All heavy atoms as atom14 arrays in JSON, in Angstrom:
{
  "sequence": "RALPKNKRFVVVTILDVLYLLPEEEREKLLENVFG",
  "atom14_mask": [
    [1, 1, 1, 1, 1, 1, 1, 1, 1, 1, 1, 0, 0, 0],
    [1, 1, 1, 1, 1, 0, 0, 0, 0, 0, 0, 0, 0, 0],
    [1, 1, 1, 1, 1, 1, 1, 1, 0, 0, 0, 0, 0, 0],
    [1, 1, 1, 1, 1, 1, 1, 0, 0, 0, 0, 0, 0, 0],
    [1, 1, 1, 1, 1, 1, 1, 1, 1, 0, 0, 0, 0, 0],
    [1, 1, 1, 1, 1, 1, 1, 1, 0, 0, 0, 0, 0, 0],
    [1, 1, 1, 1, 1, 1, 1, 1, 1, 0, 0, 0, 0, 0],
    [1, 1, 1, 1, 1, 1, 1, 1, 1, 1, 1, 0, 0, 0],
    [1, 1, 1, 1, 1, 1, 1, 1, 1, 1, 1, 0, 0, 0],
    [1, 1, 1, 1, 1, 1, 1, 0, 0, 0, 0, 0, 0, 0],
    [1, 1, 1, 1, 1, 1, 1, 0, 0, 0, 0, 0, 0, 0],
    [1, 1, 1, 1, 1, 1, 1, 0, 0, 0, 0, 0, 0, 0],
    [1, 1, 1, 1, 1, 1, 1, 0, 0, 0, 0, 0, 0, 0],
    [1, 1, 1, 1, 1, 1, 1, 1, 0, 0, 0, 0, 0, 0],
    [1, 1, 1, 1, 1, 1, 1, 1, 0, 0, 0, 0, 0, 0],
    [1, 1, 1, 1, 1, 1, 1, 1, 0, 0, 0, 0, 0, 0],
    [1, 1, 1, 1, 1, 1, 1, 0, 0, 0, 0, 0, 0, 0],
    [1, 1, 1, 1, 1, 1, 1, 1, 0, 0, 0, 0, 0, 0],
    [1, 1, 1, 1, 1, 1, 1, 1, 1, 1, 1, 1, 0, 0],
    [1, 1, 1, 1, 1, 1, 1, 1, 0, 0, 0, 0, 0, 0],
    [1, 1, 1, 1, 1, 1, 1, 1, 0, 0, 0, 0, 0, 0],
    [1, 1, 1, 1, 1, 1, 1, 0, 0, 0, 0, 0, 0, 0],
    [1, 1, 1, 1, 1, 1, 1, 1, 1, 0, 0, 0, 0, 0],
    [1, 1, 1, 1, 1, 1, 1, 1, 1, 0, 0, 0, 0, 0],
    [1, 1, 1, 1, 1, 1, 1, 1, 1, 0, 0, 0, 0, 0],
    [1, 1, 1, 1, 1, 1, 1, 1, 1, 1, 1, 0, 0, 0],
    [1, 1, 1, 1, 1, 1, 1, 1, 1, 0, 0, 0, 0, 0],
    [1, 1, 1, 1, 1, 1, 1, 1, 1, 0, 0, 0, 0, 0],
    [1, 1, 1, 1, 1, 1, 1, 1, 0, 0, 0, 0, 0, 0],
    [1, 1, 1, 1, 1, 1, 1, 1, 0, 0, 0, 0, 0, 0],
    [1, 1, 1, 1, 1, 1, 1, 1, 1, 0, 0, 0, 0, 0],
    [1, 1, 1, 1, 1, 1, 1, 1, 0, 0, 0, 0, 0, 0],
    [1, 1, 1, 1, 1, 1, 1, 0, 0, 0, 0, 0, 0, 0],
    [1, 1, 1, 1, 1, 1, 1, 1, 1, 1, 1, 0, 0, 0],
    [1, 1, 1, 1, 0, 0, 0, 0, 0, 0, 0, 0, 0, 0]
  ],
  "atom14_positions": [
    [[5.89, -8.29, -7.93], [4.5, -8.04, -8.31], [3.56, -8.06, -7.11], [2.36, -7.82, -7.26], [4.03, -9.09, -9.33], [4.69, -8.96, -10.71], [4.03, -9.89, -11.69], [2.6, -9.62, -11.77], [1.66, -10.55, -11.9], [2.0, -11.83, -11.94], [0.39, -10.23, -11.97], [0.0, 0.0, 0.0], [0.0, 0.0, 0.0], [0.0, 0.0, 0.0]],
    [[4.09, -8.31, -5.93], [3.27, -8.33, -4.71], [4.03, -7.64, -3.58], [5.26, -7.51, -3.62], [2.94, -9.77, -4.33], [0.0, 0.0, 0.0], [0.0, 0.0, 0.0], [0.0, 0.0, 0.0], [0.0, 0.0, 0.0], [0.0, 0.0, 0.0], [0.0, 0.0, 0.0], [0.0, 0.0, 0.0], [0.0, 0.0, 0.0], [0.0, 0.0, 0.0]],
    [[3.3, -7.2, -2.58], [3.93, -6.56, -1.44], [4.78, -7.56, -0.67], [4.37, -8.71, -0.49], [2.87, -5.98, -0.5], [2.05, -4.8, -1.04], [0.97, -4.42, -0.03], [2.95, -3.6, -1.33], [0.0, 0.0, 0.0], [0.0, 0.0, 0.0], [0.0, 0.0, 0.0], [0.0, 0.0, 0.0], [0.0, 0.0, 0.0], [0.0, 0.0, 0.0]],
    [[5.96, -7.16, -0.21], [6.79, -8.07, 0.58], [6.12, -8.41, 1.91], [5.4, -7.6, 2.48], [8.08, -7.27, 0.79], [7.68, -5.85, 0.6], [6.57, -5.85, -0.4], [0.0, 0.0, 0.0], [0.0, 0.0, 0.0], [0.0, 0.0, 0.0], [0.0, 0.0, 0.0], [0.0, 0.0, 0.0], [0.0, 0.0, 0.0], [0.0, 0.0, 0.0]],
    [[6.36, -9.63, 2.39], [5.72, -10.07, 3.63], [6.62, -9.97, 4.85], [6.13, -9.78, 5.96], [5.24, -11.52, 3.45], [4.16, -11.7, 2.39], [3.74, -13.15, 2.28], [2.65, -13.33, 1.24], [2.22, -14.76, 1.12], [0.0, 0.0, 0.0], [0.0, 0.0, 0.0], [0.0, 0.0, 0.0], [0.0, 0.0, 0.0], [0.0, 0.0, 0.0]],
    [[7.9, -10.13, 4.67], [8.81, -10.19, 5.81], [9.86, -9.09, 5.78], [11.0, -9.29, 6.2], [9.49, -11.56, 5.84], [8.49, -12.7, 5.95], [7.61, -12.67, 6.8], [8.62, -13.68, 5.08], [0.0, 0.0, 0.0], [0.0, 0.0, 0.0], [0.0, 0.0, 0.0], [0.0, 0.0, 0.0], [0.0, 0.0, 0.0], [0.0, 0.0, 0.0]],
    [[9.47, -7.94, 5.29], [10.4, -6.82, 5.17], [9.72, -5.56, 5.67], [8.53, -5.33, 5.4], [10.82, -6.64, 3.7], [11.73, -5.45, 3.43], [13.11, -5.64, 3.99], [14.0, -4.45, 3.66], [15.33, -4.57, 4.28], [0.0, 0.0, 0.0], [0.0, 0.0, 0.0], [0.0, 0.0, 0.0], [0.0, 0.0, 0.0], [0.0, 0.0, 0.0]],
    [[10.45, -4.73, 6.41], [9.93, -3.47, 6.89], [10.78, -2.34, 6.31], [11.98, -2.49, 6.1], [9.95, -3.4, 8.42], [9.04, -4.43, 9.07], [7.58, -4.18, 8.76], [6.69, -5.19, 9.33], [6.28, -6.27, 8.67], [6.7, -6.49, 7.43], [5.46, -7.12, 9.23], [0.0, 0.0, 0.0], [0.0, 0.0, 0.0], [0.0, 0.0, 0.0]],
    [[10.15, -1.18, 6.06], [10.8, -0.09, 5.34], [10.79, 1.2, 6.14], [9.91, 1.46, 6.95], [10.09, 0.14, 3.99], [10.11, -1.06, 3.1], [9.09, -2.0, 3.16], [11.15, -1.27, 2.21], [9.11, -3.12, 2.35], [11.18, -2.38, 1.39], [10.16, -3.32, 1.47], [0.0, 0.0, 0.0], [0.0, 0.0, 0.0], [0.0, 0.0, 0.0]],
    [[11.78, 2.04, 5.85], [11.86, 3.36, 6.46], [10.93, 4.33, 5.71], [10.34, 5.23, 6.32], [13.3, 3.88, 6.44], [13.39, 5.32, 6.92], [14.19, 2.98, 7.29], [0.0, 0.0, 0.0], [0.0, 0.0, 0.0], [0.0, 0.0, 0.0], [0.0, 0.0, 0.0], [0.0, 0.0, 0.0], [0.0, 0.0, 0.0], [0.0, 0.0, 0.0]],
    [[10.81, 4.14, 4.41], [9.97, 5.01, 3.58], [9.16, 4.16, 2.61], [9.67, 3.19, 2.02], [10.82, 6.01, 2.75], [9.91, 6.97, 1.98], [11.78, 6.78, 3.64], [0.0, 0.0, 0.0], [0.0, 0.0, 0.0], [0.0, 0.0, 0.0], [0.0, 0.0, 0.0], [0.0, 0.0, 0.0], [0.0, 0.0, 0.0], [0.0, 0.0, 0.0]],
    [[7.88, 4.51, 2.44], [7.04, 3.93, 1.39], [6.46, 5.07, 0.57], [5.94, 6.05, 1.13], [5.89, 3.06, 1.96], [4.94, 2.63, 0.84], [6.44, 1.84, 2.68], [0.0, 0.0, 0.0], [0.0, 0.0, 0.0], [0.0, 0.0, 0.0], [0.0, 0.0, 0.0], [0.0, 0.0, 0.0], [0.0, 0.0, 0.0], [0.0, 0.0, 0.0]],
    [[6.57, 4.97, -0.75], [5.99, 5.99, -1.63], [4.89, 5.36, -2.48], [5.0, 4.21, -2.92], [7.05, 6.62, -2.55], [7.68, 5.61, -3.36], [8.12, 7.33, -1.74], [0.0, 0.0, 0.0], [0.0, 0.0, 0.0], [0.0, 0.0, 0.0], [0.0, 0.0, 0.0], [0.0, 0.0, 0.0], [0.0, 0.0, 0.0], [0.0, 0.0, 0.0]],
    [[3.83, 6.13, -2.71], [2.71, 5.72, -3.57], [2.38, 6.92, -4.44], [1.79, 7.89, -3.97], [1.47, 5.3, -2.75], [1.84, 4.23, -1.72], [0.38, 4.79, -3.67], [0.67, 3.85, -0.81], [0.0, 0.0, 0.0], [0.0, 0.0, 0.0], [0.0, 0.0, 0.0], [0.0, 0.0, 0.0], [0.0, 0.0, 0.0], [0.0, 0.0, 0.0]],
    [[2.76, 6.87, -5.71], [2.63, 8.03, -6.59], [1.55, 7.79, -7.64], [1.7, 6.94, -8.52], [3.97, 8.32, -7.28], [5.21, 8.38, -6.37], [6.43, 8.77, -7.19], [5.0, 9.34, -5.22], [0.0, 0.0, 0.0], [0.0, 0.0, 0.0], [0.0, 0.0, 0.0], [0.0, 0.0, 0.0], [0.0, 0.0, 0.0], [0.0, 0.0, 0.0]],
    [[0.47, 8.53, -7.56], [-0.62, 8.45, -8.55], [-1.1, 7.02, -8.75], [-1.17, 6.51, -9.87], [-0.15, 9.02, -9.9], [-0.02, 10.53, -9.86], [-0.65, 11.15, -8.99], [0.7, 11.09, -10.7], [0.0, 0.0, 0.0], [0.0, 0.0, 0.0], [0.0, 0.0, 0.0], [0.0, 0.0, 0.0], [0.0, 0.0, 0.0], [0.0, 0.0, 0.0]],
    [[-1.47, 6.38, -7.67], [-1.9, 4.98, -7.71], [-3.28, 4.76, -7.09], [-4.11, 4.04, -7.64], [-0.87, 4.07, -7.0], [-1.41, 2.66, -6.81], [0.43, 4.02, -7.77], [0.0, 0.0, 0.0], [0.0, 0.0, 0.0], [0.0, 0.0, 0.0], [0.0, 0.0, 0.0], [0.0, 0.0, 0.0], [0.0, 0.0, 0.0], [0.0, 0.0, 0.0]],
    [[-3.54, 5.39, -5.97], [-4.74, 5.07, -5.19], [-6.03, 5.28, -5.96], [-7.01, 4.54, -5.76], [-4.76, 5.92, -3.91], [-3.68, 5.61, -2.86], [-3.86, 6.52, -1.66], [-3.74, 4.15, -2.43], [0.0, 0.0, 0.0], [0.0, 0.0, 0.0], [0.0, 0.0, 0.0], [0.0, 0.0, 0.0], [0.0, 0.0, 0.0], [0.0, 0.0, 0.0]],
    [[-6.07, 6.25, -6.86], [-7.3, 6.54, -7.59], [-7.75, 5.4, -8.5], [-8.89, 5.37, -8.96], [-7.14, 7.83, -8.4], [-6.29, 7.67, -9.64], [-6.86, 7.42, -10.89], [-4.9, 7.76, -9.56], [-6.07, 7.28, -12.01], [-4.11, 7.62, -10.68], [-4.7, 7.39, -11.91], [-3.92, 7.23, -13.03], [0.0, 0.0, 0.0], [0.0, 0.0, 0.0]],
    [[-6.85, 4.47, -8.76], [-7.17, 3.33, -9.62], [-7.86, 2.19, -8.86], [-8.28, 1.21, -9.46], [-5.89, 2.79, -10.28], [-5.17, 3.78, -11.21], [-3.79, 3.26, -11.57], [-6.0, 4.02, -12.46], [0.0, 0.0, 0.0], [0.0, 0.0, 0.0], [0.0, 0.0, 0.0], [0.0, 0.0, 0.0], [0.0, 0.0, 0.0], [0.0, 0.0, 0.0]],
    [[-7.98, 2.34, -7.55], [-8.55, 1.29, -6.7], [-9.9, 1.72, -6.15], [-10.11, 2.91, -5.86], [-7.61, 0.99, -5.53], [-6.18, 0.57, -5.87], [-5.37, 0.47, -4.59], [-6.17, -0.75, -6.62], [0.0, 0.0, 0.0], [0.0, 0.0, 0.0], [0.0, 0.0, 0.0], [0.0, 0.0, 0.0], [0.0, 0.0, 0.0], [0.0, 0.0, 0.0]],
    [[-10.82, 0.77, -5.96], [-12.05, 1.08, -5.23], [-11.7, 1.53, -3.81], [-10.64, 1.19, -3.29], [-12.81, -0.26, -5.21], [-12.22, -1.06, -6.32], [-10.78, -0.63, -6.43], [0.0, 0.0, 0.0], [0.0, 0.0, 0.0], [0.0, 0.0, 0.0], [0.0, 0.0, 0.0], [0.0, 0.0, 0.0], [0.0, 0.0, 0.0], [0.0, 0.0, 0.0]],
    [[-12.59, 2.28, -3.18], [-12.28, 2.89, -1.89], [-11.88, 1.86, -0.84], [-10.93, 2.06, -0.08], [-13.48, 3.7, -1.38], [-13.17, 4.46, -0.12], [-14.25, 5.46, 0.25], [-14.85, 6.03, -0.68], [-14.49, 5.65, 1.45], [0.0, 0.0, 0.0], [0.0, 0.0, 0.0], [0.0, 0.0, 0.0], [0.0, 0.0, 0.0], [0.0, 0.0, 0.0]],
    [[-12.59, 0.71, -0.79], [-12.25, -0.27, 0.23], [-10.87, -0.88, 0.01], [-10.15, -1.19, 0.96], [-13.31, -1.38, 0.28], [-13.46, -2.21, -0.98], [-14.41, -1.59, -2.0], [-14.79, -0.4, -1.82], [-14.77, -2.28, -2.96], [0.0, 0.0, 0.0], [0.0, 0.0, 0.0], [0.0, 0.0, 0.0], [0.0, 0.0, 0.0], [0.0, 0.0, 0.0]],
    [[-10.45, -1.03, -1.26], [-9.12, -1.55, -1.55], [-8.04, -0.52, -1.22], [-6.94, -0.85, -0.78], [-9.02, -1.98, -3.01], [-9.84, -3.21, -3.35], [-9.6, -3.7, -4.76], [-8.51, -3.43, -5.32], [-10.51, -4.35, -5.31], [0.0, 0.0, 0.0], [0.0, 0.0, 0.0], [0.0, 0.0, 0.0], [0.0, 0.0, 0.0], [0.0, 0.0, 0.0]],
    [[-8.35, 0.75, -1.44], [-7.41, 1.82, -1.08], [-7.13, 1.81, 0.41], [-5.98, 1.89, 0.85], [-8.01, 3.18, -1.44], [-7.81, 3.6, -2.86], [-8.33, 5.0, -3.04], [-9.63, 5.0, -3.69], [-10.45, 6.04, -3.73], [-10.12, 7.16, -3.13], [-11.59, 5.97, -4.35], [0.0, 0.0, 0.0], [0.0, 0.0, 0.0], [0.0, 0.0, 0.0]],
    [[-8.2, 1.72, 1.18], [-8.04, 1.73, 2.64], [-7.26, 0.5, 3.1], [-6.41, 0.59, 3.99], [-9.41, 1.79, 3.3], [-10.14, 3.1, 3.03], [-11.45, 3.19, 3.78], [-11.72, 2.34, 4.65], [-12.22, 4.13, 3.51], [0.0, 0.0, 0.0], [0.0, 0.0, 0.0], [0.0, 0.0, 0.0], [0.0, 0.0, 0.0], [0.0, 0.0, 0.0]],
    [[-7.54, -0.65, 2.49], [-6.83, -1.87, 2.86], [-5.35, -1.75, 2.54], [-4.49, -2.17, 3.33], [-7.44, -3.07, 2.12], [-6.8, -4.4, 2.48], [-7.02, -4.76, 3.94], [-6.49, -6.14, 4.26], [-6.64, -6.47, 5.7], [0.0, 0.0, 0.0], [0.0, 0.0, 0.0], [0.0, 0.0, 0.0], [0.0, 0.0, 0.0], [0.0, 0.0, 0.0]],
    [[-5.03, -1.16, 1.39], [-3.63, -0.98, 1.01], [-2.92, -0.08, 2.01], [-1.8, -0.39, 2.45], [-3.54, -0.37, -0.39], [-2.13, 0.01, -0.87], [-1.2, -1.2, -0.89], [-2.18, 0.67, -2.24], [0.0, 0.0, 0.0], [0.0, 0.0, 0.0], [0.0, 0.0, 0.0], [0.0, 0.0, 0.0], [0.0, 0.0, 0.0], [0.0, 0.0, 0.0]],
    [[-3.54, 1.01, 2.41], [-2.91, 1.92, 3.35], [-2.73, 1.27, 4.72], [-1.74, 1.53, 5.42], [-3.72, 3.21, 3.46], [-3.73, 4.08, 2.2], [-4.63, 5.29, 2.39], [-2.33, 4.52, 1.81], [0.0, 0.0, 0.0], [0.0, 0.0, 0.0], [0.0, 0.0, 0.0], [0.0, 0.0, 0.0], [0.0, 0.0, 0.0], [0.0, 0.0, 0.0]],
    [[-3.67, 0.43, 5.11], [-3.52, -0.32, 6.35], [-2.33, -1.27, 6.25], [-1.55, -1.42, 7.21], [-4.79, -1.1, 6.65], [-5.97, -0.21, 7.05], [-7.28, -0.97, 7.11], [-7.28, -2.18, 6.79], [-8.31, -0.37, 7.47], [0.0, 0.0, 0.0], [0.0, 0.0, 0.0], [0.0, 0.0, 0.0], [0.0, 0.0, 0.0], [0.0, 0.0, 0.0]],
    [[-2.17, -1.93, 5.1], [-1.03, -2.83, 4.9], [0.28, -2.06, 4.93], [1.3, -2.53, 5.47], [-1.17, -3.57, 3.58], [-2.26, -4.63, 3.6], [-2.66, -5.1, 4.67], [-2.76, -5.0, 2.44], [0.0, 0.0, 0.0], [0.0, 0.0, 0.0], [0.0, 0.0, 0.0], [0.0, 0.0, 0.0], [0.0, 0.0, 0.0], [0.0, 0.0, 0.0]],
    [[0.28, -0.86, 4.34], [1.49, -0.04, 4.33], [1.89, 0.34, 5.75], [3.08, 0.35, 6.09], [1.26, 1.23, 3.48], [2.39, 2.24, 3.7], [1.19, 0.86, 2.0], [0.0, 0.0, 0.0], [0.0, 0.0, 0.0], [0.0, 0.0, 0.0], [0.0, 0.0, 0.0], [0.0, 0.0, 0.0], [0.0, 0.0, 0.0], [0.0, 0.0, 0.0]],
    [[0.91, 0.63, 6.59], [1.2, 0.95, 7.99], [1.99, -0.18, 8.64], [2.95, 0.05, 9.38], [-0.1, 1.2, 8.76], [0.1, 1.8, 10.12], [0.21, 3.17, 10.27], [0.16, 1.0, 11.24], [0.4, 3.74, 11.54], [0.35, 1.54, 12.51], [0.47, 2.91, 12.66], [0.0, 0.0, 0.0], [0.0, 0.0, 0.0], [0.0, 0.0, 0.0]],
    [[1.6, -1.41, 8.33], [2.31, -2.57, 8.86], [3.67, -2.78, 8.25], [4.56, -3.38, 8.87], [0.0, 0.0, 0.0], [0.0, 0.0, 0.0], [0.0, 0.0, 0.0], [0.0, 0.0, 0.0], [0.0, 0.0, 0.0], [0.0, 0.0, 0.0], [0.0, 0.0, 0.0], [0.0, 0.0, 0.0], [0.0, 0.0, 0.0], [0.0, 0.0, 0.0]]
  ]
}
C-alpha cells in the first residue's frame, strides 16, 4: 500500500492514476519515481 523504500526498479508504470492527485502531489510522486 506504500512505495518501497529500499528497492530500485528497471521499469515503473503509472496507468491512469496521476489525474486523481492534486498537481503538487503528482509532481512529488514523479520525483519519488525518479529516485
